[in-house]
């Protein structure tokens, strides 16, 4: 009955194609949580943090709805969601940490030169703490930040506590919203999708800016010198 009630929301409330794409994924998440409870929250949040396209906002909103309906507790869904975030982040971190050479230095598809890798290393040495913490608070980006942190060989325990610190507000916040709005949790999911679009727009804007700047020759030489200097410092 619960699952049927969720589907009474008209499809016309999802006018943007992205919502149509994520709809079946959200339905899958709802089924998993209905069938397995807190274990489902844990597994879905772990998958989302391991770069699998699981919308963590929807997972925690629906988990919060379960608190509203009396099926779960706020403490339970928060711990399950946070634990899932941590396990997924550790897995992605390990892929970057132990697969650095195969992923980037030997991979022709996303190959990075040693100089570029040195730039990534230096960036994380200078700004790694803020980057990991803030990225965990951003839609989409939060699912992928563990990979470059591992590639840059950021100290594991520092990565862990920063990831936990950034994940807790996300997990707890969406759980509280889901509990507060109850049956309207899916409407809130649609409203909050604007955050995804803003992040995508910002990323595309940065990519366009970088391409335009490189074609104009404004940053190529300087970037190459910086990369070379970074590689020399690393060596």
Protein backbone atom coordinates (compact mmCIF):
# COMPACT_ATOMS: atom_id res chain seq x y z
CA UNK A 1 0.00 0.00 0.00
CA UNK A 2 2.82 2.36 0.81
CA UNK A 3 4.50 1.84 -2.52
CA UNK A 4 1.19 2.29 -4.35
CA UNK A 5 0.57 5.58 -2.55
CA UNK A 6 3.91 6.90 -3.69
CA UNK A 7 2.91 6.36 -7.30
CA UNK A 8 -0.21 8.51 -7.02
CA UNK A 9 2.02 11.56 -7.60
CA UNK A 10 1.31 12.64 -11.19
CA UNK A 11 4.09 12.33 -13.71
CA UNK A 12 3.32 15.89 -14.81
CA UNK A 13 5.15 17.11 -11.73
CA UNK A 14 8.39 15.98 -13.35
CA UNK A 15 8.62 18.22 -16.45
CA UNK A 16 12.41 18.12 -16.61
CA UNK A 17 13.94 15.08 -18.37
CA UNK A 18 16.39 14.51 -15.50
CA UNK A 19 13.49 13.76 -13.17
CA UNK A 20 12.17 11.15 -15.63
CA UNK A 21 15.59 9.50 -15.68
CA UNK A 22 15.97 9.39 -11.91
CA UNK A 23 12.36 8.30 -11.29
CA UNK A 24 12.99 4.55 -11.81
CA UNK A 25 16.12 4.77 -9.67
CA UNK A 26 14.14 6.36 -6.84
CA UNK A 27 11.47 3.65 -7.20
CA UNK A 28 14.25 1.06 -6.87
CA UNK A 29 15.56 2.77 -3.73
CA UNK A 30 12.05 2.84 -2.23
CA UNK A 31 11.65 -0.90 -2.88
CA UNK A 32 15.03 -1.69 -1.34
CA UNK A 33 14.33 0.31 1.83
CA UNK A 34 10.80 -1.11 2.12
CA UNK A 35 12.21 -4.64 1.88
CA UNK A 36 15.36 -4.34 4.00
CA UNK A 37 14.96 -1.29 6.27
CA UNK A 38 18.14 0.19 7.70
CA UNK A 39 20.28 -2.31 5.79
CA UNK A 40 18.85 -0.87 2.59
CA UNK A 41 19.65 2.69 3.69
CA UNK A 42 23.22 1.60 4.41
CA UNK A 43 23.70 -0.24 1.10
CA UNK A 44 22.17 2.53 -1.02
CA UNK A 45 24.20 5.27 0.64
CA UNK A 46 27.36 3.17 0.26
CA UNK A 47 26.62 2.67 -3.44
CA UNK A 48 25.99 6.39 -3.91
CA UNK A 49 29.33 7.25 -2.30
CA UNK A 50 31.08 4.66 -4.50
CA UNK A 51 30.22 6.60 -7.70
CA UNK A 52 27.14 4.50 -8.47
CA UNK A 53 24.28 6.80 -9.57
CA UNK A 54 22.08 6.49 -6.48
CA UNK A 55 20.39 9.78 -5.41
CA UNK A 56 21.36 10.04 -1.75
CA UNK A 57 18.91 12.92 -1.27
CA UNK A 58 15.99 10.65 -2.18
CA UNK A 59 17.32 7.82 -0.02
CA UNK A 60 17.52 9.96 3.10
CA UNK A 61 14.25 11.78 2.38
CA UNK A 62 12.42 8.47 2.14
CA UNK A 63 14.24 7.18 5.22
CA UNK A 64 13.04 10.31 7.02
CA UNK A 65 9.51 9.56 5.80
CA UNK A 66 9.83 6.14 7.44
CA UNK A 67 10.69 7.90 10.70
CA UNK A 68 7.58 10.06 10.23
CA UNK A 69 5.45 6.94 9.75
CA UNK A 70 6.98 5.26 12.81
CA UNK A 71 8.83 2.48 10.96
CA UNK A 72 12.34 3.74 11.79
CA UNK A 73 14.09 6.04 14.26
CA UNK A 74 16.02 9.20 13.47
CA UNK A 75 19.13 7.81 15.16
CA UNK A 76 18.88 4.58 13.19
CA UNK A 77 18.62 6.14 9.72
CA UNK A 78 21.36 8.68 10.55
CA UNK A 79 23.82 6.01 11.64
CA UNK A 80 22.95 3.77 8.69
CA UNK A 81 23.27 6.62 6.21
CA UNK A 82 26.54 7.88 7.67
CA UNK A 83 28.03 4.38 7.84
CA UNK A 84 27.06 3.78 4.21
CA UNK A 85 28.65 7.09 3.18
CA UNK A 86 31.88 6.14 4.92
CA UNK A 87 32.14 2.62 3.47
CA UNK A 88 31.43 3.82 -0.07
CA UNK A 89 33.94 6.64 0.29
CA UNK A 90 36.61 4.27 1.59
CA UNK A 91 36.10 1.97 -1.41
CA UNK A 92 36.42 4.83 -3.89
CA UNK A 93 39.42 6.24 -2.02
CA UNK A 94 41.09 2.81 -2.21
CA UNK A 95 40.50 2.62 -5.97
CA UNK A 96 42.27 5.95 -6.41
CA UNK A 97 45.02 5.20 -3.91
CA UNK A 98 45.98 1.74 -5.16
CA UNK A 99 44.98 2.18 -8.80
CA UNK A 100 46.68 5.52 -9.41
CA UNK A 101 49.10 4.32 -12.07
CA UNK A 102 46.65 2.08 -13.93
CA UNK A 103 43.83 4.66 -13.76
CA UNK A 104 45.74 7.69 -14.97
CA UNK A 105 49.35 7.11 -15.95
CA UNK A 106 48.65 4.06 -18.15
CA UNK A 107 45.06 4.79 -19.15
CA UNK A 108 44.82 6.44 -22.58
CA UNK A 109 41.19 7.47 -22.11
CA UNK A 110 41.77 9.72 -19.07
CA UNK A 111 45.55 9.86 -19.15
CA UNK A 112 47.25 12.48 -17.02
CA UNK A 113 50.91 13.32 -17.37
CA UNK A 114 53.21 13.08 -14.34
CA UNK A 115 53.21 16.88 -14.25
CA UNK A 116 49.43 17.00 -14.03
CA UNK A 117 49.43 14.35 -11.33
CA UNK A 118 51.97 16.42 -9.42
CA UNK A 119 49.61 19.39 -9.69
CA UNK A 120 46.80 17.29 -8.18
CA UNK A 121 49.11 16.17 -5.38
CA UNK A 122 50.15 19.73 -4.61
CA UNK A 123 46.55 20.95 -4.68
CA UNK A 124 45.53 18.37 -2.07
CA UNK A 125 48.55 19.22 0.05
CA UNK A 126 47.49 22.88 0.12
CA UNK A 127 43.68 22.69 -0.08
CA UNK A 128 42.80 19.05 0.49
CA UNK A 129 41.03 19.47 3.83
CA UNK A 130 38.66 22.18 2.60
CA UNK A 131 38.13 20.40 -0.73
CA UNK A 132 37.04 17.08 0.82
CA UNK A 133 34.84 18.70 3.47
CA UNK A 134 33.06 21.14 1.16
CA UNK A 135 32.65 18.60 -1.66
CA UNK A 136 30.70 16.31 0.68
CA UNK A 137 28.12 19.08 0.99
CA UNK A 138 27.58 19.45 -2.77
CA UNK A 139 25.20 17.35 -4.89
CA UNK A 140 26.85 15.10 -7.51
CA UNK A 141 30.37 16.24 -6.60
CA UNK A 142 30.15 14.54 -3.20
CA UNK A 143 29.99 11.11 -4.84
CA UNK A 144 33.30 11.53 -6.69
CA UNK A 145 35.61 13.51 -4.39
CA UNK A 146 36.97 10.35 -2.76
CA UNK A 147 38.65 9.27 -6.01
CA UNK A 148 40.97 12.30 -6.43
CA UNK A 149 41.65 12.24 -2.68
CA UNK A 150 42.90 8.68 -3.07
CA UNK A 151 44.83 9.54 -6.23
CA UNK A 152 46.59 12.32 -4.32
CA UNK A 153 47.30 9.84 -1.49
CA UNK A 154 45.68 12.07 1.11
CA UNK A 155 46.34 10.58 4.58
CA UNK A 156 43.60 8.02 5.22
CA UNK A 157 42.52 9.08 8.70
CA UNK A 158 42.43 12.75 7.76
CA UNK A 159 40.31 11.84 4.75
CA UNK A 160 38.06 9.76 7.01
CA UNK A 161 37.25 12.37 9.62
CA UNK A 162 36.78 15.11 7.00
CA UNK A 163 34.42 12.85 5.04
CA UNK A 164 32.44 12.05 8.18
CA UNK A 165 32.31 15.72 9.15
CA UNK A 166 31.00 16.71 5.72
CA UNK A 167 28.61 13.75 5.37
CA UNK A 168 26.81 14.13 8.71
CA UNK A 169 24.98 17.39 7.86
CA UNK A 170 23.89 15.92 4.51
CA UNK A 171 22.58 12.67 5.99
CA UNK A 172 20.97 14.24 9.05
CA UNK A 173 19.58 17.24 7.15
CA UNK A 174 17.72 15.24 4.50
CA UNK A 175 16.54 12.75 7.11
CA UNK A 176 15.06 15.58 9.19
CA UNK A 177 13.40 17.11 6.12
CA UNK A 178 11.87 13.74 5.22
CA UNK A 179 10.55 13.31 8.75
CA UNK A 180 9.11 16.83 8.78
CA UNK A 181 7.35 16.73 5.40
CA UNK A 182 6.07 13.16 5.68
CA UNK A 183 3.94 12.17 2.70
CA UNK A 184 5.28 15.15 0.73
CA UNK A 185 8.85 13.83 0.72
CA UNK A 186 8.84 13.13 -3.03
CA UNK A 187 7.62 16.63 -3.85
CA UNK A 188 10.56 17.94 -1.86
CA UNK A 189 12.86 15.68 -3.83
CA UNK A 190 11.69 17.34 -7.03
CA UNK A 191 12.14 20.82 -5.54
CA UNK A 192 15.66 20.02 -4.33
CA UNK A 193 16.74 18.77 -7.76
CA UNK A 194 17.42 22.38 -8.67
CA UNK A 195 20.62 21.98 -6.65
CA UNK A 196 21.77 19.28 -9.06
CA UNK A 197 21.14 21.54 -12.02
CA UNK A 198 23.05 24.41 -10.42
CA UNK A 199 26.06 22.18 -9.78
CA UNK A 200 25.97 20.79 -13.33
CA UNK A 201 25.72 24.33 -14.72
CA UNK A 202 28.68 25.45 -12.61
CA UNK A 203 30.80 22.50 -13.75
CA UNK A 204 29.93 23.10 -17.40
CA UNK A 205 30.69 26.79 -16.96
CA UNK A 206 34.13 25.98 -15.56
CA UNK A 207 34.82 23.57 -18.41
CA UNK A 208 33.81 26.15 -21.02
CA UNK A 209 35.93 28.80 -19.29
CA UNK A 210 38.96 26.48 -19.24
CA UNK A 211 38.53 25.60 -22.94
CA UNK A 212 38.14 29.24 -23.99
CA UNK A 213 41.11 30.29 -21.90
CA UNK A 214 43.29 27.55 -23.32
CA UNK A 215 42.32 28.34 -26.92
CA UNK A 216 43.17 31.98 -26.37
CA UNK A 217 46.54 30.91 -24.99
CA UNK A 218 45.97 32.75 -21.74
CA UNK A 219 46.85 29.96 -19.43
CA UNK A 220 48.57 27.21 -21.35
CA UNK A 221 52.15 28.29 -20.92
CA UNK A 222 51.73 29.30 -17.32
CA UNK A 223 49.90 26.06 -16.48
CA UNK A 224 52.59 23.97 -18.15
CA UNK A 225 55.31 25.80 -16.21
CA UNK A 226 53.36 25.32 -13.00
CA UNK A 227 52.91 21.64 -13.74
CA UNK A 228 56.61 21.22 -14.45
CA UNK A 229 57.51 23.07 -11.27
CA UNK A 230 55.09 20.94 -9.29
CA UNK A 231 56.60 17.75 -10.70
CA UNK A 232 60.12 18.99 -9.87
CA UNK A 233 59.08 19.81 -6.30
CA UNK A 234 57.50 16.39 -5.92
CA UNK A 235 60.62 14.65 -7.12
